[in-house]
Amino acid sequence: MLSSAARQVMSSTSETQETAKNDFIGCLKVLEGELGDKPYFGGETFGIVDVVLIPSYSFFFAYEQFCNCSIVAECPTLLAWVHRCMEKESVSKNLPDQQKVYDKISERKKKLQSK
């Protein structure tokens, strides 16, 4: 669900951007609902669901740029979870830089649009 909505954001045109943005933010809000007031998705400890979801954070800057939105404004609970996860060296040292991810996606998008 999240990856499908994210792909829509990345490939949206100006006509489809608002729908893609709403679908994507809706998916993030579902995750926020599942997280609730727990520190991690599994409760008090960093677990497998966190490990699976945290790499998505590397794409947040790109999503914000492509859909002209603010994830922190829309989903503050999810961003607080991200910050808790990033306190773990195993996470912070292994996630790709958000700007580099954005640059690569932008480059690819331009190539696809020029074809």
Protein backbone atom coordinates (compact mmCIF):
# COMPACT_ATOMS: atom_id res chain seq x y z
CA MET A 1 0.00 0.00 0.00
CA LEU A 2 2.69 2.52 0.99
CA SER A 3 5.00 1.61 -1.89
CA SER A 4 2.14 1.90 -4.38
CA ALA A 5 1.18 5.35 -3.08
CA ALA A 6 4.84 6.40 -3.06
CA ARG A 7 5.27 5.32 -6.69
CA GLN A 8 2.22 7.39 -7.59
CA VAL A 9 3.80 10.44 -5.96
CA MET A 10 7.04 9.96 -7.86
CA SER A 11 5.36 9.50 -11.22
CA SER A 12 2.49 11.95 -10.83
CA THR A 13 1.87 14.76 -13.25
CA SER A 14 0.44 18.11 -12.27
CA GLU A 15 -3.06 16.72 -13.00
CA THR A 16 -2.65 13.67 -10.76
CA GLN A 17 -0.41 15.17 -8.08
CA GLU A 18 -3.13 16.06 -5.57
CA THR A 19 -4.66 12.58 -5.66
CA ALA A 20 -1.24 10.94 -5.35
CA LYS A 21 -0.34 13.22 -2.44
CA ASN A 22 -3.59 12.47 -0.61
CA ASP A 23 -3.17 8.72 -1.12
CA PHE A 24 0.41 8.85 0.13
CA ILE A 25 -0.38 10.96 3.20
CA GLY A 26 -3.33 8.65 3.88
CA CYS A 27 -0.98 5.66 3.96
CA LEU A 28 1.35 7.47 6.35
CA LYS A 29 -1.60 8.30 8.61
CA VAL A 30 -2.52 4.60 8.70
CA LEU A 31 1.02 3.89 9.89
CA GLU A 32 0.69 6.63 12.49
CA GLY A 33 -2.52 5.05 13.71
CA GLU A 34 -0.81 1.68 14.06
CA LEU A 35 2.11 3.28 15.91
CA GLY A 36 -0.24 5.12 18.25
CA ASP A 37 1.59 6.38 21.34
CA LYS A 38 4.09 3.50 21.39
CA PRO A 39 7.77 4.35 20.90
CA TYR A 40 8.14 1.62 18.25
CA PHE A 41 5.69 -0.40 16.19
CA GLY A 42 6.25 -3.46 18.37
CA GLY A 43 5.91 -1.52 21.61
CA GLU A 44 8.82 -0.53 23.82
CA THR A 45 11.57 -2.14 21.75
CA PHE A 46 12.87 -1.58 18.24
CA GLY A 47 11.76 -4.61 16.24
CA ILE A 48 11.27 -6.16 12.82
CA VAL A 49 8.47 -3.82 11.71
CA ASP A 50 10.67 -0.83 12.52
CA VAL A 51 13.57 -2.41 10.61
CA VAL A 52 11.33 -2.91 7.58
CA LEU A 53 9.78 0.57 7.63
CA ILE A 54 12.67 2.87 8.57
CA PRO A 55 14.40 2.72 5.14
CA SER A 56 11.35 4.55 3.74
CA TYR A 57 12.56 7.61 5.63
CA SER A 58 15.37 8.07 3.10
CA PHE A 59 12.70 8.90 0.53
CA PHE A 60 10.70 11.38 2.64
CA PHE A 61 12.53 14.47 1.32
CA ALA A 62 11.92 13.34 -2.26
CA TYR A 63 8.25 12.68 -1.54
CA GLU A 64 7.88 16.13 -0.02
CA GLN A 65 9.50 17.74 -3.05
CA PHE A 66 7.45 15.82 -5.60
CA CYS A 67 4.08 16.26 -3.89
CA ASN A 68 4.70 19.68 -2.36
CA CYS A 69 3.78 18.58 1.14
CA SER A 70 5.27 18.44 4.61
CA ILE A 71 5.37 15.01 6.17
CA VAL A 72 6.33 16.48 9.55
CA ALA A 73 3.25 18.73 9.45
CA GLU A 74 0.95 15.92 8.32
CA CYS A 75 2.39 13.07 10.42
CA PRO A 76 4.30 14.36 13.46
CA THR A 77 3.96 11.08 15.37
CA LEU A 78 5.60 9.19 12.52
CA LEU A 79 8.46 11.71 12.41
CA ALA A 80 8.97 11.37 16.16
CA TRP A 81 9.30 7.61 15.57
CA VAL A 82 11.85 8.30 12.83
CA HIS A 83 13.90 10.41 15.22
CA ARG A 84 13.83 7.65 17.85
CA CYS A 85 14.99 5.14 15.25
CA MET A 86 17.73 7.48 14.02
CA GLU A 87 19.17 7.57 17.55
CA LYS A 88 20.28 4.01 16.91
CA GLU A 89 23.70 3.94 15.31
CA SER A 90 22.77 0.85 13.30
CA VAL A 91 20.02 2.91 11.64
CA SER A 92 21.66 6.31 11.27
CA LYS A 93 24.87 4.94 9.77
CA ASN A 94 23.13 2.76 7.21
CA LEU A 95 20.36 4.85 5.68
CA PRO A 96 21.09 6.63 2.40
CA ASP A 97 21.27 10.42 2.46
CA GLN A 98 17.90 11.97 1.62
CA GLN A 99 19.35 14.58 -0.74
CA LYS A 100 21.22 11.92 -2.72
CA VAL A 101 18.06 9.83 -2.99
CA TYR A 102 16.15 12.87 -4.24
CA ASP A 103 18.86 13.70 -6.78
CA LYS A 104 18.86 10.16 -8.17
CA ILE A 105 15.08 10.05 -8.44
CA SER A 106 14.97 13.47 -10.09
CA GLU A 107 17.62 12.40 -12.57
CA ARG A 108 15.70 9.23 -13.42
CA LYS A 109 12.40 11.08 -13.70
CA LYS A 110 13.93 13.57 -16.15
CA LYS A 111 15.29 10.73 -18.28
CA LEU A 112 11.92 9.00 -18.36
CA GLN A 113 10.10 12.22 -19.27
CA SER A 114 12.52 12.94 -22.12
CA LYS A 115 11.71 9.62 -23.82
